[in-house]
Amino acid sequence: MWQAGALGIGRLRAHIGGMSKSPRVTFSIKRIAEGDWQIEARCSGAETRYINGLASKAEADAWLDGDRKIAWLRSQGYAK
């Protein structure tokens, strides 16, 4: 008879169980005042971060759809 430990099955589960994806960041656009918009970035287990200095909803949408979002995620350690 074979044993699970001899085949390394138990170690494989422990190895795979340790790997995980980066936490998910959710973004929401908020209007603060006329001509003043911000993006809230929420991640479970971390404090909410704010991206300020956006003049319109269109600019906030462009931030979320463009390279600036990926650059921000990288700078925060959430993306490679």
PDB file of N, CA and C in Angstrom:
ATOM      1  N   MET A   1       0.837  -1.190   0.000  1.00  0.00           N
ATOM      2  CA  MET A   1       0.000   0.000   0.000  1.00  0.00           C
ATOM      3  C   MET A   1       0.879   1.249   0.000  1.00  0.00           C
ATOM      4  N   TRP A   2       0.424   2.266  -0.667  1.00  0.00           N
ATOM      5  CA  TRP A   2       1.143   3.537  -0.706  1.00  0.00           C
ATOM      6  C   TRP A   2       0.603   4.459   0.360  1.00  0.00           C
ATOM      7  N   GLN A   3       1.391   5.431   0.725  1.00  0.00           N
ATOM      8  CA  GLN A   3       0.974   6.418   1.729  1.00  0.00           C
ATOM      9  C   GLN A   3       0.944   7.793   1.075  1.00  0.00           C
ATOM     10  N   ALA A   4      -0.024   8.583   1.455  1.00  0.00           N
ATOM     11  CA  ALA A   4      -0.154   9.926   0.877  1.00  0.00           C
ATOM     12  C   ALA A   4       1.097  10.759   1.153  1.00  0.00           C
ATOM     13  N   GLY A   5       1.668  10.652   2.325  1.00  0.00           N
ATOM     14  CA  GLY A   5       2.870  11.414   2.667  1.00  0.00           C
ATOM     15  C   GLY A   5       4.062  11.035   1.812  1.00  0.00           C
ATOM     16  N   ALA A   6       4.153   9.764   1.440  1.00  0.00           N
ATOM     17  CA  ALA A   6       5.272   9.306   0.622  1.00  0.00           C
ATOM     18  C   ALA A   6       5.206   9.893  -0.780  1.00  0.00           C
ATOM     19  N   LEU A   7       4.031  10.167  -1.259  1.00  0.00           N
ATOM     20  CA  LEU A   7       3.878  10.744  -2.592  1.00  0.00           C
ATOM     21  C   LEU A   7       3.944  12.270  -2.587  1.00  0.00           C
ATOM     22  N   GLY A   8       3.993  12.856  -1.428  1.00  0.00           N
ATOM     23  CA  GLY A   8       4.070  14.310  -1.339  1.00  0.00           C
ATOM     24  C   GLY A   8       2.739  15.001  -1.490  1.00  0.00           C
ATOM     25  N   ILE A   9       1.638  14.267  -1.414  1.00  0.00           N
ATOM     26  CA  ILE A   9       0.322  14.876  -1.605  1.00  0.00           C
ATOM     27  C   ILE A   9       0.036  15.897  -0.513  1.00  0.00           C
ATOM     28  N   GLY A  10       0.348  15.578   0.716  1.00  0.00           N
ATOM     29  CA  GLY A  10       0.108  16.514   1.813  1.00  0.00           C
ATOM     30  C   GLY A  10       0.903  17.793   1.652  1.00  0.00           C
ATOM     31  N   ARG A  11       2.133  17.676   1.178  1.00  0.00           N
ATOM     32  CA  ARG A  11       2.959  18.860   0.972  1.00  0.00           C
ATOM     33  C   ARG A  11       2.442  19.707  -0.189  1.00  0.00           C
ATOM     34  N   LEU A  12       1.904  19.072  -1.195  1.00  0.00           N
ATOM     35  CA  LEU A  12       1.369  19.805  -2.340  1.00  0.00           C
ATOM     36  C   LEU A  12       0.210  20.706  -1.910  1.00  0.00           C
ATOM     37  N   ARG A  13      -0.674  20.179  -1.102  1.00  0.00           N
ATOM     38  CA  ARG A  13      -1.796  20.988  -0.636  1.00  0.00           C
ATOM     39  C   ARG A  13      -1.312  22.177   0.177  1.00  0.00           C
ATOM     40  N   ALA A  14      -0.343  21.950   1.040  1.00  0.00           N
ATOM     41  CA  ALA A  14       0.181  23.043   1.858  1.00  0.00           C
ATOM     42  C   ALA A  14       0.839  24.101   0.979  1.00  0.00           C
ATOM     43  N   HIS A  15       1.529  23.660  -0.052  1.00  0.00           N
ATOM     44  CA  HIS A  15       2.202  24.599  -0.942  1.00  0.00           C
ATOM     45  C   HIS A  15       1.191  25.442  -1.719  1.00  0.00           C
ATOM     46  N   ILE A  16       0.180  24.809  -2.273  1.00  0.00           N
ATOM     47  CA  ILE A  16      -0.826  25.526  -3.049  1.00  0.00           C
ATOM     48  C   ILE A  16      -1.680  26.402  -2.140  1.00  0.00           C
ATOM     49  N   GLY A  17      -1.985  25.936  -0.948  1.00  0.00           N
ATOM     50  CA  GLY A  17      -2.815  26.704  -0.029  1.00  0.00           C
ATOM     51  C   GLY A  17      -2.181  28.022   0.375  1.00  0.00           C
ATOM     52  N   GLY A  18      -0.857  28.107   0.358  1.00  0.00           N
ATOM     53  CA  GLY A  18      -0.170  29.329   0.744  1.00  0.00           C
ATOM     54  C   GLY A  18      -0.211  30.417  -0.309  1.00  0.00           C
ATOM     55  N   MET A  19      -0.428  30.034  -1.557  1.00  0.00           N
ATOM     56  CA  MET A  19      -0.463  31.022  -2.636  1.00  0.00           C
ATOM     57  C   MET A  19      -1.841  31.651  -2.700  1.00  0.00           C
ATOM     58  N   SER A  20      -1.880  32.926  -2.907  1.00  0.00           N
ATOM     59  CA  SER A  20      -3.172  33.592  -3.044  1.00  0.00           C
ATOM     60  C   SER A  20      -3.019  34.784  -3.963  1.00  0.00           C
ATOM     61  N   LYS A  21      -4.130  35.245  -4.468  1.00  0.00           N
ATOM     62  CA  LYS A  21      -4.132  36.421  -5.329  1.00  0.00           C
ATOM     63  C   LYS A  21      -4.029  37.676  -4.482  1.00  0.00           C
ATOM     64  N   SER A  22      -3.698  38.763  -5.133  1.00  0.00           N
ATOM     65  CA  SER A  22      -3.711  40.054  -4.459  1.00  0.00           C
ATOM     66  C   SER A  22      -5.147  40.384  -4.066  1.00  0.00           C
ATOM     67  N   PRO A  23      -5.320  41.140  -3.007  1.00  0.00           N
ATOM     68  CA  PRO A  23      -6.685  41.504  -2.615  1.00  0.00           C
ATOM     69  C   PRO A  23      -7.366  42.344  -3.692  1.00  0.00           C
ATOM     70  N   ARG A  24      -8.669  42.226  -3.780  1.00  0.00           N
ATOM     71  CA  ARG A  24      -9.443  42.969  -4.778  1.00  0.00           C
ATOM     72  C   ARG A  24      -9.658  44.401  -4.298  1.00  0.00           C
ATOM     73  N   VAL A  25      -9.426  45.313  -5.179  1.00  0.00           N
ATOM     74  CA  VAL A  25      -9.648  46.730  -4.900  1.00  0.00           C
ATOM     75  C   VAL A  25     -10.892  47.151  -5.668  1.00  0.00           C
ATOM     76  N   THR A  26     -11.836  47.779  -4.966  1.00  0.00           N
ATOM     77  CA  THR A  26     -13.036  48.292  -5.624  1.00  0.00           C
ATOM     78  C   THR A  26     -12.971  49.814  -5.643  1.00  0.00           C
ATOM     79  N   PHE A  27     -13.363  50.374  -6.761  1.00  0.00           N
ATOM     80  CA  PHE A  27     -13.308  51.814  -6.950  1.00  0.00           C
ATOM     81  C   PHE A  27     -14.718  52.372  -7.051  1.00  0.00           C
ATOM     82  N   SER A  28     -14.924  53.543  -6.472  1.00  0.00           N
ATOM     83  CA  SER A  28     -16.196  54.246  -6.636  1.00  0.00           C
ATOM     84  C   SER A  28     -15.915  55.733  -6.802  1.00  0.00           C
ATOM     85  N   ILE A  29     -16.692  56.344  -7.680  1.00  0.00           N
ATOM     86  CA  ILE A  29     -16.526  57.762  -7.988  1.00  0.00           C
ATOM     87  C   ILE A  29     -17.476  58.566  -7.103  1.00  0.00           C
ATOM     88  N   LYS A  30     -16.959  59.622  -6.490  1.00  0.00           N
ATOM     89  CA  LYS A  30     -17.767  60.477  -5.616  1.00  0.00           C
ATOM     90  C   LYS A  30     -17.620  61.934  -6.042  1.00  0.00           C
ATOM     91  N   ARG A  31     -18.738  62.642  -6.076  1.00  0.00           N
ATOM     92  CA  ARG A  31     -18.719  64.082  -6.338  1.00  0.00           C
ATOM     93  C   ARG A  31     -18.659  64.793  -4.992  1.00  0.00           C
ATOM     94  N   ILE A  32     -17.639  65.596  -4.801  1.00  0.00           N
ATOM     95  CA  ILE A  32     -17.456  66.334  -3.553  1.00  0.00           C
ATOM     96  C   ILE A  32     -18.162  67.691  -3.648  1.00  0.00           C
ATOM     97  N   ALA A  33     -17.919  68.394  -4.733  1.00  0.00           N
ATOM     98  CA  ALA A  33     -18.531  69.695  -4.991  1.00  0.00           C
ATOM     99  C   ALA A  33     -18.490  69.916  -6.501  1.00  0.00           C
ATOM    100  N   GLU A  34     -19.051  71.027  -6.932  1.00  0.00           N
ATOM    101  CA  GLU A  34     -19.007  71.352  -8.358  1.00  0.00           C
ATOM    102  C   GLU A  34     -17.553  71.444  -8.814  1.00  0.00           C
ATOM    103  N   GLY A  35     -17.186  70.640  -9.781  1.00  0.00           N
ATOM    104  CA  GLY A  35     -15.822  70.657 -10.304  1.00  0.00           C
ATOM    105  C   GLY A  35     -14.803  69.962  -9.414  1.00  0.00           C
ATOM    106  N   ASP A  36     -15.254  69.189  -8.423  1.00  0.00           N
ATOM    107  CA  ASP A  36     -14.347  68.484  -7.518  1.00  0.00           C
ATOM    108  C   ASP A  36     -14.841  67.058  -7.329  1.00  0.00           C
ATOM    109  N   TRP A  37     -14.149  66.113  -7.926  1.00  0.00           N
ATOM    110  CA  TRP A  37     -14.511  64.703  -7.863  1.00  0.00           C
ATOM    111  C   TRP A  37     -13.352  63.922  -7.275  1.00  0.00           C
ATOM    112  N   GLN A  38     -13.666  62.777  -6.685  1.00  0.00           N
ATOM    113  CA  GLN A  38     -12.615  61.906  -6.181  1.00  0.00           C
ATOM    114  C   GLN A  38     -13.019  60.453  -6.409  1.00  0.00           C
ATOM    115  N   ILE A  39     -12.038  59.582  -6.352  1.00  0.00           N
ATOM    116  CA  ILE A  39     -12.252  58.151  -6.475  1.00  0.00           C
ATOM    117  C   ILE A  39     -11.864  57.524  -5.149  1.00  0.00           C
ATOM    118  N   GLU A  40     -12.756  56.709  -4.609  1.00  0.00           N
ATOM    119  CA  GLU A  40     -12.463  55.952  -3.392  1.00  0.00           C
ATOM    120  C   GLU A  40     -11.991  54.572  -3.806  1.00  0.00           C
ATOM    121  N   ALA A  41     -10.859  54.162  -3.274  1.00  0.00           N
ATOM    122  CA  ALA A  41     -10.325  52.825  -3.530  1.00  0.00           C
ATOM    123  C   ALA A  41     -10.407  52.040  -2.230  1.00  0.00           C
ATOM    124  N   ARG A  42     -11.225  50.996  -2.234  1.00  0.00           N
ATOM    125  CA  ARG A  42     -11.426  50.188  -1.028  1.00  0.00           C
ATOM    126  C   ARG A  42     -10.862  48.796  -1.232  1.00  0.00           C
ATOM    127  N   CYS A  43     -10.183  48.313  -0.207  1.00  0.00           N
ATOM    128  CA  CYS A  43      -9.619  46.977  -0.213  1.00  0.00           C
ATOM    129  C   CYS A  43      -9.836  46.389   1.175  1.00  0.00           C
ATOM    130  N   SER A  44     -10.343  45.173   1.226  1.00  0.00           N
ATOM    131  CA  SER A  44     -10.602  44.574   2.537  1.00  0.00           C
ATOM    132  C   SER A  44      -9.286  44.424   3.301  1.00  0.00           C
ATOM    133  N   GLY A  45      -9.329  44.763   4.565  1.00  0.00           N
ATOM    134  CA  GLY A  45      -8.150  44.664   5.406  1.00  0.00           C
ATOM    135  C   GLY A  45      -7.235  45.866   5.328  1.00  0.00           C
ATOM    136  N   ALA A  46      -7.600  46.880   4.575  1.00  0.00           N
ATOM    137  CA  ALA A  46      -6.779  48.084   4.451  1.00  0.00           C
ATOM    138  C   ALA A  46      -7.687  49.307   4.531  1.00  0.00           C
ATOM    139  N   GLU A  47      -7.093  50.433   4.839  1.00  0.00           N
ATOM    140  CA  GLU A  47      -7.895  51.650   4.921  1.00  0.00           C
ATOM    141  C   GLU A  47      -8.270  52.141   3.529  1.00  0.00           C
ATOM    142  N   THR A  48      -9.364  52.857   3.440  1.00  0.00           N
ATOM    143  CA  THR A  48      -9.821  53.424   2.172  1.00  0.00           C
ATOM    144  C   THR A  48      -8.865  54.513   1.736  1.00  0.00           C
ATOM    145  N   ARG A  49      -8.495  54.475   0.463  1.00  0.00           N
ATOM    146  CA  ARG A  49      -7.609  55.498  -0.093  1.00  0.00           C
ATOM    147  C   ARG A  49      -8.404  56.336  -1.074  1.00  0.00           C
ATOM    148  N   TYR A  50      -7.989  57.580  -1.212  1.00  0.00           N
ATOM    149  CA  TYR A  50      -8.710  58.533  -2.053  1.00  0.00           C
ATOM    150  C   TYR A  50      -7.793  59.082  -3.135  1.00  0.00           C
ATOM    151  N   ILE A  51      -8.298  59.121  -4.352  1.00  0.00           N
ATOM    152  CA  ILE A  51      -7.601  59.749  -5.468  1.00  0.00           C
ATOM    153  C   ILE A  51      -8.338  61.059  -5.714  1.00  0.00           C
ATOM    154  N   ASN A  52      -7.672  62.158  -5.425  1.00  0.00           N
ATOM    155  CA  ASN A  52      -8.279  63.493  -5.494  1.00  0.00           C
ATOM    156  C   ASN A  52      -7.794  64.254  -6.719  1.00  0.00           C
ATOM    157  N   GLY A  53      -8.387  65.424  -6.911  1.00  0.00           N
ATOM    158  CA  GLY A  53      -7.931  66.327  -7.954  1.00  0.00           C
ATOM    159  C   GLY A  53      -8.553  66.088  -9.313  1.00  0.00           C
ATOM    160  N   LEU A  54      -9.697  65.469  -9.338  1.00  0.00           N
ATOM    161  CA  LEU A  54     -10.381  65.232 -10.601  1.00  0.00           C
ATOM    162  C   LEU A  54     -11.457  66.296 -10.786  1.00  0.00           C
ATOM    163  N   ALA A  55     -11.524  66.863 -11.986  1.00  0.00           N
ATOM    164  CA  ALA A  55     -12.395  68.010 -12.223  1.00  0.00           C
ATOM    165  C   ALA A  55     -13.798  67.633 -12.680  1.00  0.00           C
ATOM    166  N   SER A  56     -13.976  66.411 -13.205  1.00  0.00           N
ATOM    167  CA  SER A  56     -15.286  66.031 -13.724  1.00  0.00           C
ATOM    168  C   SER A  56     -15.461  64.520 -13.652  1.00  0.00           C
ATOM    169  N   LYS A  57     -16.698  64.086 -13.840  1.00  0.00           N
ATOM    170  CA  LYS A  57     -16.963  62.651 -13.861  1.00  0.00           C
ATOM    171  C   LYS A  57     -16.278  62.013 -15.058  1.00  0.00           C
ATOM    172  N   ALA A  58     -16.236  62.726 -16.168  1.00  0.00           N
ATOM    173  CA  ALA A  58     -15.570  62.210 -17.365  1.00  0.00           C
ATOM    174  C   ALA A  58     -14.084  61.975 -17.091  1.00  0.00           C
ATOM    175  N   GLU A  59     -13.460  62.888 -16.344  1.00  0.00           N
ATOM    176  CA  GLU A  59     -12.051  62.725 -15.999  1.00  0.00           C
ATOM    177  C   GLU A  59     -11.862  61.526 -15.060  1.00  0.00           C
ATOM    178  N   ALA A  60     -12.793  61.334 -14.117  1.00  0.00           N
ATOM    179  CA  ALA A  60     -12.727  60.185 -13.213  1.00  0.00           C
ATOM    180  C   ALA A  60     -12.914  58.879 -13.990  1.00  0.00           C
ATOM    181  N   ASP A  61     -13.858  58.881 -14.927  1.00  0.00           N
ATOM    182  CA  ASP A  61     -14.062  57.699 -15.765  1.00  0.00           C
ATOM    183  C   ASP A  61     -12.820  57.395 -16.596  1.00  0.00           C
ATOM    184  N   ALA A  62     -12.193  58.431 -17.134  1.00  0.00           N
ATOM    185  CA  ALA A  62     -10.970  58.242 -17.916  1.00  0.00           C
ATOM    186  C   ALA A  62      -9.848  57.688 -17.043  1.00  0.00           C
ATOM    187  N   TRP A  63      -9.776  58.135 -15.786  1.00  0.00           N
ATOM    188  CA  TRP A  63      -8.764  57.627 -14.852  1.00  0.00           C
ATOM    189  C   TRP A  63      -8.970  56.137 -14.622  1.00  0.00           C
ATOM    190  N   LEU A  64     -10.223  55.742 -14.410  1.00  0.00           N
ATOM    191  CA  LEU A  64     -10.522  54.335 -14.147  1.00  0.00           C
ATOM    192  C   LEU A  64     -10.308  53.451 -15.377  1.00  0.00           C
ATOM    193  N   ASP A  65     -10.565  53.983 -16.561  1.00  0.00           N
ATOM    194  CA  ASP A  65     -10.449  53.196 -17.784  1.00  0.00           C
ATOM    195  C   ASP A  65      -9.053  53.227 -18.394  1.00  0.00           C
ATOM    196  N   GLY A  66      -8.174  54.077 -17.888  1.00  0.00           N
ATOM    197  CA  GLY A  66      -6.873  54.257 -18.515  1.00  0.00           C
ATOM    198  C   GLY A  66      -5.717  53.650 -17.745  1.00  0.00           C
ATOM    199  N   ASP A  67      -4.533  54.058 -18.157  1.00  0.00           N
ATOM    200  CA  ASP A  67      -3.293  53.544 -17.582  1.00  0.00           C
ATOM    201  C   ASP A  67      -3.028  54.068 -16.174  1.00  0.00           C
ATOM    202  N   ARG A  68      -3.673  55.172 -15.809  1.00  0.00           N
ATOM    203  CA  ARG A  68      -3.422  55.750 -14.482  1.00  0.00           C
ATOM    204  C   ARG A  68      -3.881  54.805 -13.376  1.00  0.00           C
ATOM    205  N   LYS A  69      -4.968  54.074 -13.605  1.00  0.00           N
ATOM    206  CA  LYS A  69      -5.462  53.112 -12.617  1.00  0.00           C
ATOM    207  C   LYS A  69      -4.430  52.002 -12.397  1.00  0.00           C
ATOM    208  N   ILE A  70      -3.905  51.442 -13.464  1.00  0.00           N
ATOM    209  CA  ILE A  70      -2.910  50.376 -13.356  1.00  0.00           C
ATOM    210  C   ILE A  70      -1.650  50.895 -12.681  1.00  0.00           C
ATOM    211  N   ALA A  71      -1.224  52.097 -13.034  1.00  0.00           N
ATOM    212  CA  ALA A  71      -0.046  52.684 -12.398  1.00  0.00           C
ATOM    213  C   ALA A  71      -0.270  52.869 -10.901  1.00  0.00           C
ATOM    214  N   TRP A  72      -1.468  53.298 -10.513  1.00  0.00           N
ATOM    215  CA  TRP A  72      -1.782  53.476  -9.096  1.00  0.00           C
ATOM    216  C   TRP A  72      -1.770  52.135  -8.376  1.00  0.00           C
ATOM    217  N   LEU A  73      -2.399  51.109  -8.979  1.00  0.00           N
ATOM    218  CA  LEU A  73      -2.404  49.776  -8.372  1.00  0.00           C
ATOM    219  C   LEU A  73      -0.985  49.246  -8.177  1.00  0.00           C
ATOM    220  N   ARG A  74      -0.127  49.468  -9.158  1.00  0.00           N
ATOM    221  CA  ARG A  74       1.277  49.058  -9.017  1.00  0.00           C
ATOM    222  C   ARG A  74       1.977  49.811  -7.908  1.00  0.00           C
ATOM    223  N   SER A  75       1.732  51.111  -7.809  1.00  0.00           N
ATOM    224  CA  SER A  75       2.402  51.907  -6.785  1.00  0.00           C
ATOM    225  C   SER A  75       1.962  51.517  -5.369  1.00  0.00           C
ATOM    226  N   GLN A  76       0.756  50.945  -5.252  1.00  0.00           N
ATOM    227  CA  GLN A  76       0.253  50.514  -3.970  1.00  0.00           C
ATOM    228  C   GLN A  76       0.588  49.060  -3.669  1.00  0.00           C
ATOM    229  N   GLY A  77       1.182  48.367  -4.632  1.00  0.00           N
ATOM    230  CA  GLY A  77       1.564  46.973  -4.438  1.00  0.00           C
ATOM    231  C   GLY A  77       0.461  45.971  -4.746  1.00  0.00           C
ATOM    232  N   TYR A  78      -0.595  46.396  -5.439  1.00  0.00           N
ATOM    233  CA  TYR A  78      -1.698  45.507  -5.759  1.00  0.00           C
ATOM    234  C   TYR A  78      -1.601  44.874  -7.148  1.00  0.00           C
ATOM    235  N   ALA A  79      -0.654  45.293  -7.951  1.00  0.00           N
ATOM    236  CA  ALA A  79      -0.480  44.744  -9.297  1.00  0.00           C
ATOM    237  C   ALA A  79       1.009  44.681  -9.612  1.00  0.00           C
ATOM    238  N   LYS A  80       1.341  43.844 -10.583  1.00  0.00           N
ATOM    239  CA  LYS A  80       2.744  43.693 -10.998  1.00  0.00           C
ATOM    240  C   LYS A  80       3.075  44.652 -12.109  1.00  0.00           C
TER     241      LYS A  80
END
